[in-house]
Structure formats: structure tokens, C-alpha cells
């Protein structure tokens, strides 16, 4: 089987990470994996993992160049002769959909987010099968585009259980970070994600300040990079931390590569996004590391965090809810939270279900029992 995935670029982000992981896992299972994008930091990883990266402009929204790019992409697809065409974003989906008109390659789309509702976004429902990364996304596209149930597959993003394994953390890194930010003896509350208004780090910071009134050993970590266009917001957060007198308590630790180790040194993880997120990867990764989660009650995270069992679900901008969650888990011994991820949100399950969908769309020689038994 030969699979072509298309996405705009291969830089940072959940979609990019998912494509890289699926490429690697497909290759392990003997599938020929090709990724088409305009390039980026992770493009080389596709080839390193045994796939093939084809650089092509599937990122530009310029309608004047679109017809030529459709023809060029059609030529590329004729040469590649894929069994499956899988688009991960709107521009690649439009180009692939139009290039595929005469080729008639089985076409899959994945809806990764709550895109604006319009004709431009509707292309994400044009796949022969439409993958939704959560039930919240499924409900959203069915409400706005009336997509039938039989066309949709809910396949959550998968957590790499080897990477996020409490037994395999780099203890030296954990010790170094603990010493650098003086975390020993602290109850560490962590928020992970790029510095952006949507993450509502103001509420997180205020939650840490309020929690310290009843639990003085509480401290906060904000883990995430800052894009150039978010520098002003970042400065406002720094000013807020200073004004509230918690400069040595709430720490901005920047972008980190060893995220599993960040979870390992955390007692609880908070994700208090203002708007619903399509899946909630941070919540799933935290649970895989046996760390409970406080999360806003909307979006895909509702599929992941069970209120009162693996964490606490709160309202948007709910400082009191964050405090109550921290208080609850301050002296509560958590059970095996990892089991939820193993059973429902593992990378292995994501790959197997995606492959099963590919096989259902392809014909005869690819759906024979011998091939299917490999998966």
C-alpha cells in the first residue's frame, strides 16, 4: 500500500507531529509512506524514518496560482500512484480534491479543528471518509455540514506510550529542572502550550496565586514557546506575574523538548483554554504519565478527562475551579490514570484504526487477508 499525506508545512504543531508519527508507524508496518508539504523543520524526519518527503507548495492561499498548482499536483500524483490520498488541512485538501477529480484515488480528510463555517472549510468534508479527532469535532461538522454518520470515523490523536512512560524519564533532566526552579518540596502545577491568548494563561496565573492562600507550597510552570507576534501578550503575562508578587513562584520555562519529563515533575496539569480545542493532547499525555488534569469543560478534552476520576472539569476563566482542583489532588493518591490512555488514546490504536480505514477504502488486492493480518 502506498499512502500520500498532504499538509501545508512541517514545522511545530499537533497536526505536523501527527503526520510525522503516522509516517514512522506506517513504514514500520510495511506501508510506503509519502508526505507532501512546503517543507519545514520536520521535513527531513520523514525521510529519516523511512518515508519520502515531496516538497510542493500546498500552503499558499493565492487563488491566482491555484489552477497551475492543481495541474502540477495532478502530475505528481500520477507519478506517485498512491492507493490513498489523505489531506490534513484546507489548502492541501482543495488542491488534492481538484487534482484528484480524474484520478479518482480514494480520498481521506482529517478535520483537526473547529474551522470557520464557510464554503472554503467545507472541503474538509469532501473526503470519501472524514476522520474527526474527537466527538466534539464530529458534532461540529455534522451540525454545520450535515455529514452522514457512515462517512465519519472518530479517530483521536494517539499518544506515543513509549515516549510518555513514567518508567523511562530522564531523571537527570528532572533533577536539573527541579534545582533550577527550586521545585523541591513544592506542589507543581503545570500548563503546557504555546504562549497565546487562547490558552488563557491569565486565569492559570490567578489560579496559582489564589491556591497559595490555602496551600503555600504551590508553584506554577508555564511551558511553551513565544512566537514573534505573541511577544506583547507574553510581556503582559510577565507584568501580571510581577504585579501579583509571584515572580519566584510562577515560572516561564520556554519551549522544552523533554515534555515527558515536565509531566514527571508535575503534580497536576492545567489546560484552561478559552475556546474548545479539537482534541486535548496535553491532557492525554499527562494522564499517560499518571498526572491528573484540570481542564475547561469543552472540546475534545471532555472525551479524555473524566470529571472526579482522572481530573476536574471547570468553566472558562474559573479561578475558583482551578483552586478546588489543586486542593482536591493535594493529598489525594491517584490511581492508574495511564490505563485510560492505553485503552483509548494510544498511538498504536490511532495507527491501527487509520490503517483499517485505508483498507476499507481500497480494492481487491490490498484488502486480502494476508495483508490485513499484518495490522
Protein backbone atom coordinates (compact mmCIF):
# COMPACT_ATOMS: atom_id res chain seq x y z
CA UNK A 1 0.00 0.00 0.00
CA UNK A 2 1.20 3.50 -0.85
CA UNK A 3 -0.17 6.40 1.21
CA UNK A 4 0.25 10.11 0.48
CA UNK A 5 -0.41 12.60 3.28
CA UNK A 6 -0.66 16.32 2.48
CA UNK A 7 -0.29 19.23 4.89
CA UNK A 8 0.86 22.86 4.46
CA UNK A 9 4.20 22.71 6.28
CA UNK A 10 6.19 20.51 8.62
CA UNK A 11 7.09 22.87 11.44
CA UNK A 12 5.71 22.79 15.00
CA UNK A 13 2.16 21.84 15.90
CA UNK A 14 -0.14 18.94 16.66
CA UNK A 15 -1.05 18.25 13.02
CA UNK A 16 2.61 18.18 12.00
CA UNK A 17 3.51 15.91 14.87
CA UNK A 18 0.69 13.55 13.99
CA UNK A 19 1.83 13.32 10.37
CA UNK A 20 5.42 12.60 11.38
CA UNK A 21 4.28 9.90 13.82
CA UNK A 22 1.91 8.27 11.33
CA UNK A 23 4.63 8.28 8.67
CA UNK A 24 7.01 6.49 11.02
CA UNK A 25 4.44 3.92 12.11
CA UNK A 26 3.22 3.21 8.58
CA UNK A 27 6.79 2.48 7.49
CA UNK A 28 7.18 0.07 10.43
CA UNK A 29 4.14 -1.83 9.16
CA UNK A 30 5.48 -2.13 5.62
CA UNK A 31 3.40 0.65 4.11
CA UNK A 32 5.04 3.01 1.61
CA UNK A 33 4.58 6.46 3.13
CA UNK A 34 4.91 9.75 1.25
CA UNK A 35 4.32 13.22 2.69
CA UNK A 36 3.73 16.29 0.51
CA UNK A 37 4.32 19.70 2.11
CA UNK A 38 6.07 23.02 1.53
CA UNK A 39 8.84 21.88 3.86
CA UNK A 40 9.80 22.91 7.37
CA UNK A 41 11.87 21.89 10.39
CA UNK A 42 10.50 18.35 10.49
CA UNK A 43 10.57 17.60 6.76
CA UNK A 44 13.89 15.76 6.99
CA UNK A 45 12.44 13.49 9.69
CA UNK A 46 10.05 11.97 7.18
CA UNK A 47 12.98 10.56 5.20
CA UNK A 48 14.95 9.63 8.33
CA UNK A 49 12.02 7.48 9.45
CA UNK A 50 11.88 5.66 6.11
CA UNK A 51 9.22 7.67 4.34
CA UNK A 52 9.61 10.12 1.48
CA UNK A 53 9.04 13.85 1.61
CA UNK A 54 7.98 15.65 -1.57
CA UNK A 55 8.34 19.42 -1.39
CA UNK A 56 5.48 21.26 -3.08
CA UNK A 57 3.56 24.47 -2.42
CA UNK A 58 0.39 23.28 -0.67
CA UNK A 59 0.44 26.25 1.71
CA UNK A 60 -0.22 29.36 -0.41
CA UNK A 61 -3.80 30.67 -0.40
CA UNK A 62 -3.23 32.71 -3.56
CA UNK A 63 -6.17 31.85 -5.88
CA UNK A 64 -4.26 33.10 -8.93
CA UNK A 65 -1.64 30.36 -8.63
CA UNK A 66 -4.09 27.64 -7.59
CA UNK A 67 -5.02 26.35 -11.10
CA UNK A 68 -1.38 25.81 -12.04
CA UNK A 69 -0.64 24.13 -8.71
CA UNK A 70 -3.61 21.82 -9.18
CA UNK A 71 -2.18 20.68 -12.53
CA UNK A 72 1.30 20.30 -11.03
CA UNK A 73 -0.04 18.28 -8.12
CA UNK A 74 -2.01 16.10 -10.51
CA UNK A 75 1.21 15.35 -12.39
CA UNK A 76 2.97 14.45 -9.11
CA UNK A 77 0.13 12.13 -8.08
CA UNK A 78 0.18 10.39 -11.47
CA UNK A 79 3.88 9.68 -10.93
CA UNK A 80 3.42 8.53 -7.32
CA UNK A 81 0.30 6.42 -7.99
CA UNK A 82 -0.86 6.31 -4.37
CA UNK A 83 -3.55 3.96 -3.09
CA UNK A 84 -4.72 6.57 -0.56
CA UNK A 85 -4.70 10.37 -0.65
CA UNK A 86 -5.00 11.89 2.84
CA UNK A 87 -5.38 15.69 3.27
CA UNK A 88 -4.80 17.26 6.70
CA UNK A 89 -5.68 20.92 6.09
CA UNK A 90 -7.87 23.11 3.90
CA UNK A 91 -5.46 24.37 1.22
CA UNK A 92 -3.95 20.90 0.63
CA UNK A 93 -7.47 19.45 0.66
CA UNK A 94 -8.69 21.81 -2.06
CA UNK A 95 -5.63 21.21 -4.24
CA UNK A 96 -5.84 17.44 -3.74
CA UNK A 97 -9.61 17.33 -4.30
CA UNK A 98 -9.34 19.20 -7.60
CA UNK A 99 -6.22 17.33 -8.76
CA UNK A 100 -7.94 14.05 -7.96
CA UNK A 101 -11.09 14.72 -10.00
CA UNK A 102 -9.99 12.48 -12.85
CA UNK A 103 -7.56 10.27 -10.93
CA UNK A 104 -10.23 9.05 -8.51
CA UNK A 105 -7.79 7.97 -5.81
CA UNK A 106 -9.58 7.08 -2.54
CA UNK A 107 -9.60 10.41 -0.68
CA UNK A 108 -9.44 10.88 3.11
CA UNK A 109 -9.63 14.13 5.05
CA UNK A 110 -8.93 14.75 8.73
CA UNK A 111 -10.72 17.59 10.50
CA UNK A 112 -8.25 18.75 13.14
CA UNK A 113 -10.03 21.86 14.41
CA UNK A 114 -13.13 23.99 14.71
CA UNK A 115 -12.63 25.75 11.40
CA UNK A 116 -14.77 28.74 10.42
CA UNK A 117 -18.02 27.62 8.83
CA UNK A 118 -17.99 28.52 5.13
CA UNK A 119 -17.56 27.10 1.64
CA UNK A 120 -13.78 27.20 1.99
CA UNK A 121 -13.84 24.96 5.09
CA UNK A 122 -16.45 22.61 3.64
CA UNK A 123 -13.73 20.87 1.61
CA UNK A 124 -12.70 19.04 4.76
CA UNK A 125 -15.95 17.08 4.46
CA UNK A 126 -15.30 16.11 0.82
CA UNK A 127 -13.28 13.02 1.66
CA UNK A 128 -14.63 9.58 0.85
CA UNK A 129 -14.11 9.16 4.57
CA UNK A 130 -13.80 12.03 7.05
CA UNK A 131 -11.69 11.48 10.15
CA UNK A 132 -12.59 13.58 13.21
CA UNK A 133 -10.09 13.76 16.08
CA UNK A 134 -12.82 13.91 18.74
CA UNK A 135 -16.55 13.56 19.20
CA UNK A 136 -16.73 17.33 19.63
CA UNK A 137 -15.36 17.78 16.09
CA UNK A 138 -17.80 15.19 14.76
CA UNK A 139 -20.73 17.03 16.33
CA UNK A 140 -19.43 20.32 14.92
CA UNK A 141 -19.17 19.21 11.28
CA UNK A 142 -22.46 17.36 11.43
CA UNK A 143 -24.20 20.41 12.81
CA UNK A 144 -22.83 22.72 10.11
CA UNK A 145 -22.39 20.44 7.09
CA UNK A 146 -24.84 17.55 7.69
CA UNK A 147 -22.20 14.88 7.11
CA UNK A 148 -23.75 11.40 7.45
CA UNK A 149 -22.57 9.08 10.22
CA UNK A 150 -21.39 6.38 7.82
CA UNK A 151 -18.90 8.76 6.24
CA UNK A 152 -17.27 9.78 9.56
CA UNK A 153 -14.67 7.98 11.65
CA UNK A 154 -13.73 9.36 15.07
CA UNK A 155 -10.03 8.57 15.49
CA UNK A 156 -8.40 10.51 18.34
CA UNK A 157 -4.80 11.58 18.07
CA UNK A 158 -2.55 8.97 19.60
CA UNK A 159 -0.10 9.29 22.47
CA UNK A 160 3.24 7.52 22.00
CA UNK A 161 3.26 5.33 25.11
CA UNK A 162 6.97 4.62 24.78
CA UNK A 163 7.78 8.32 24.78
CA UNK A 164 5.30 9.14 27.54
CA UNK A 165 6.20 6.41 30.01
CA UNK A 166 6.73 7.19 33.73
CA UNK A 167 9.34 4.42 33.89
CA UNK A 168 11.52 5.88 31.11
CA UNK A 169 12.03 9.52 32.07
CA UNK A 170 15.42 11.22 32.11
CA UNK A 171 15.86 11.61 35.87
CA UNK A 172 18.93 13.81 35.41
CA UNK A 173 16.91 16.34 33.41
CA UNK A 174 14.14 16.24 36.04
CA UNK A 175 16.69 16.88 38.79
CA UNK A 176 18.30 19.75 36.88
CA UNK A 177 14.98 21.48 36.24
CA UNK A 178 13.89 20.88 39.84
CA UNK A 179 17.06 22.56 41.07
CA UNK A 180 16.94 25.41 38.55
CA UNK A 181 13.43 26.49 39.54
CA UNK A 182 13.64 25.38 43.19
CA UNK A 183 10.80 22.91 42.89
CA UNK A 184 11.83 20.54 45.67
CA UNK A 185 9.12 20.38 48.30
CA UNK A 186 6.72 22.30 46.04
CA UNK A 187 3.35 21.20 44.70
CA UNK A 188 4.00 21.78 41.00
CA UNK A 189 1.09 22.88 38.81
CA UNK A 190 1.92 23.00 35.11
CA UNK A 191 0.39 24.49 31.96
CA UNK A 192 1.82 23.40 28.60
CA UNK A 193 1.32 25.08 25.24
CA UNK A 194 2.48 27.96 23.11
CA UNK A 195 2.07 31.42 24.61
CA UNK A 196 -1.22 32.59 23.13
CA UNK A 197 -4.38 34.28 24.41
CA UNK A 198 -6.41 31.16 23.63
CA UNK A 199 -4.58 29.26 26.38
CA UNK A 200 -5.76 31.84 28.94
CA UNK A 201 -2.60 31.90 30.99
CA UNK A 202 -4.01 34.85 32.97
CA UNK A 203 -6.55 32.52 34.61
CA UNK A 204 -3.82 29.95 35.24
CA UNK A 205 -1.62 32.56 36.96
CA UNK A 206 -4.52 33.86 39.07
CA UNK A 207 -5.37 30.27 39.99
CA UNK A 208 -1.84 29.70 41.30
CA UNK A 209 -1.99 32.92 43.34
CA UNK A 210 -5.38 32.02 44.85
CA UNK A 211 -4.32 28.41 45.60
CA UNK A 212 -1.31 29.64 47.56
CA UNK A 213 -3.64 31.19 50.13
CA UNK A 214 -4.59 27.68 51.30
CA UNK A 215 -1.59 25.68 50.02
CA UNK A 216 1.54 27.85 50.37
CA UNK A 217 3.84 25.32 48.66
CA UNK A 218 2.04 25.61 45.31
CA UNK A 219 4.06 26.90 42.36
CA UNK A 220 3.36 27.14 38.64
CA UNK A 221 5.23 26.27 35.45
CA UNK A 222 4.25 27.69 32.07
CA UNK A 223 5.91 25.62 29.36
CA UNK A 224 5.76 26.92 25.82
CA UNK A 225 7.48 29.00 23.18
CA UNK A 226 6.61 32.55 22.18
CA UNK A 227 6.12 33.49 18.53
CA UNK A 228 7.13 36.95 17.44
CA UNK A 229 3.50 38.06 17.07
CA UNK A 230 2.78 36.99 20.67
CA UNK A 231 5.61 38.91 22.34
CA UNK A 232 3.28 41.69 23.51
CA UNK A 233 0.95 39.16 25.16
CA UNK A 234 3.92 37.45 26.78
CA UNK A 235 5.07 40.76 28.24
CA UNK A 236 1.58 41.33 29.68
CA UNK A 237 1.79 37.94 31.40
CA UNK A 238 5.19 38.81 32.84
CA UNK A 239 3.79 42.11 34.15
CA UNK A 240 0.83 40.24 35.69
CA UNK A 241 3.19 37.85 37.49
CA UNK A 242 5.18 40.80 38.81
CA UNK A 243 2.13 42.78 39.89
CA UNK A 244 0.73 39.78 41.77
CA UNK A 245 4.05 39.26 43.54
CA UNK A 246 4.72 35.72 42.31
CA UNK A 247 7.88 36.20 40.23
CA UNK A 248 9.65 33.38 42.07
CA UNK A 249 6.54 31.21 42.14
CA UNK A 250 5.23 31.22 38.56
CA UNK A 251 8.00 30.33 36.12
CA UNK A 252 8.10 30.73 32.35
CA UNK A 253 10.35 27.89 31.23
CA UNK A 254 10.03 28.34 27.45
CA UNK A 255 9.73 25.63 24.84
CA UNK A 256 11.02 22.24 26.00
CA UNK A 257 11.92 19.09 24.08
CA UNK A 258 11.58 16.68 27.01
CA UNK A 259 7.88 17.11 27.67
CA UNK A 260 7.51 13.70 29.35
CA UNK A 261 9.98 14.85 31.97
CA UNK A 262 7.96 18.05 32.50
CA UNK A 263 4.92 15.91 33.27
CA UNK A 264 7.01 13.69 35.53
CA UNK A 265 7.98 16.58 37.81
CA UNK A 266 4.41 17.97 37.86
CA UNK A 267 1.77 17.12 40.44
CA UNK A 268 -1.11 18.34 38.31
CA UNK A 269 -1.56 19.77 34.81
CA UNK A 270 -3.96 22.59 33.95
CA UNK A 271 -5.35 23.30 30.49
CA UNK A 272 -7.76 26.23 30.73
CA UNK A 273 -8.23 27.24 27.10
CA UNK A 274 -10.80 29.94 26.40
CA UNK A 275 -12.10 28.18 23.30
CA UNK A 276 -12.67 24.47 22.78
CA UNK A 277 -9.69 22.54 21.45
CA UNK A 278 -10.22 19.79 18.93
CA UNK A 279 -8.58 17.00 20.93
CA UNK A 280 -6.58 17.82 24.05
CA UNK A 281 -3.21 16.19 23.52
CA UNK A 282 -1.73 17.76 26.66
CA UNK A 283 -4.43 16.15 28.80
CA UNK A 284 -3.90 12.72 27.22
CA UNK A 285 -0.12 12.92 27.59
CA UNK A 286 -0.43 13.99 31.24
CA UNK A 287 -2.72 11.06 32.04
CA UNK A 288 -0.28 8.72 30.29
CA UNK A 289 2.28 9.96 32.83
CA UNK A 290 -0.21 9.35 35.69
CA UNK A 291 -0.70 13.09 36.26
CA UNK A 292 -4.27 14.33 36.90
CA UNK A 293 -5.67 17.18 34.82
CA UNK A 294 -7.75 20.29 35.43
CA UNK A 295 -9.40 21.31 32.15
CA UNK A 296 -12.10 23.57 30.81
CA UNK A 297 -15.28 21.67 30.10
CA UNK A 298 -15.45 21.93 26.32
CA UNK A 299 -13.98 20.48 23.15
CA UNK A 300 -12.19 17.19 22.74
CA UNK A 301 -10.77 17.17 26.27
CA UNK A 302 -14.20 16.08 27.52
CA UNK A 303 -13.56 12.71 25.84
CA UNK A 304 -10.30 12.37 27.76
CA UNK A 305 -10.71 13.73 31.31
CA UNK A 306 -13.39 12.09 33.43
CA UNK A 307 -14.57 14.62 35.98
CA UNK A 308 -13.78 13.46 39.50
CA UNK A 309 -11.89 10.40 38.28
CA UNK A 310 -8.86 11.48 36.25
CA UNK A 311 -9.17 15.17 36.95
CA UNK A 312 -11.56 18.09 37.26
CA UNK A 313 -13.57 19.83 34.54
CA UNK A 314 -14.16 23.55 35.08
CA UNK A 315 -15.81 26.53 33.43
CA UNK A 316 -13.91 29.05 31.29
CA UNK A 317 -11.94 31.60 33.38
CA UNK A 318 -12.82 29.62 36.52
CA UNK A 319 -10.11 30.57 39.02
CA UNK A 320 -12.05 29.01 41.89
CA UNK A 321 -12.33 25.76 39.91
CA UNK A 322 -8.56 25.62 39.50
CA UNK A 323 -8.10 26.18 43.23
CA UNK A 324 -10.64 23.46 44.07
CA UNK A 325 -8.89 21.02 41.71
CA UNK A 326 -5.48 21.73 43.20
CA UNK A 327 -6.89 21.32 46.71
CA UNK A 328 -8.56 18.03 45.80
CA UNK A 329 -5.38 16.48 44.43
CA UNK A 330 -3.01 17.97 47.01
CA UNK A 331 -3.29 14.92 49.26
CA UNK A 332 -5.19 12.50 47.03
CA UNK A 333 -3.34 9.45 45.81
CA UNK A 334 -4.29 8.96 42.16
CA UNK A 335 -4.89 5.55 40.67
CA UNK A 336 -3.71 4.21 37.32
CA UNK A 337 -4.59 7.16 35.09
CA UNK A 338 -2.39 5.79 32.33
CA UNK A 339 -4.85 2.95 31.70
CA UNK A 340 -7.35 5.40 30.17
CA UNK A 341 -4.80 6.38 27.51
CA UNK A 342 -3.63 2.81 26.92
CA UNK A 343 -7.22 1.72 26.26
CA UNK A 344 -8.45 4.70 24.26
CA UNK A 345 -5.81 7.18 23.10
CA UNK A 346 -2.62 5.35 22.23
CA UNK A 347 -0.59 5.93 19.08
CA UNK A 348 -0.90 2.22 18.32
CA UNK A 349 -4.68 2.44 18.32
CA UNK A 350 -4.65 5.57 16.15
CA UNK A 351 -2.43 3.91 13.54
CA UNK A 352 -4.38 0.65 13.50
CA UNK A 353 -7.73 2.41 13.11
CA UNK A 354 -6.36 4.68 10.39
CA UNK A 355 -4.95 1.72 8.51
CA UNK A 356 -8.23 -0.13 8.85
CA UNK A 357 -10.00 2.87 7.31
CA UNK A 358 -7.47 2.93 4.43
CA UNK A 359 -8.02 -0.76 3.81
CA UNK A 360 -11.79 -0.36 3.76
CA UNK A 361 -11.44 2.27 1.03
CA UNK A 362 -9.06 0.35 -1.20
CA UNK A 363 -9.85 -2.54 -3.51
CA UNK A 364 -9.23 -6.25 -4.04
CA UNK A 365 -5.52 -6.91 -3.98
CA UNK A 366 -4.90 -4.63 -0.99
CA UNK A 367 -7.74 -5.96 1.15
CA UNK A 368 -6.72 -9.59 1.09
CA UNK A 369 -6.48 -11.40 4.43
CA UNK A 370 -2.69 -11.77 4.33
CA UNK A 371 -2.12 -8.04 4.00
CA UNK A 372 -4.76 -7.12 6.56
CA UNK A 373 -3.34 -9.62 9.09
CA UNK A 374 -0.15 -7.53 9.33
CA UNK A 375 -2.13 -4.88 11.18
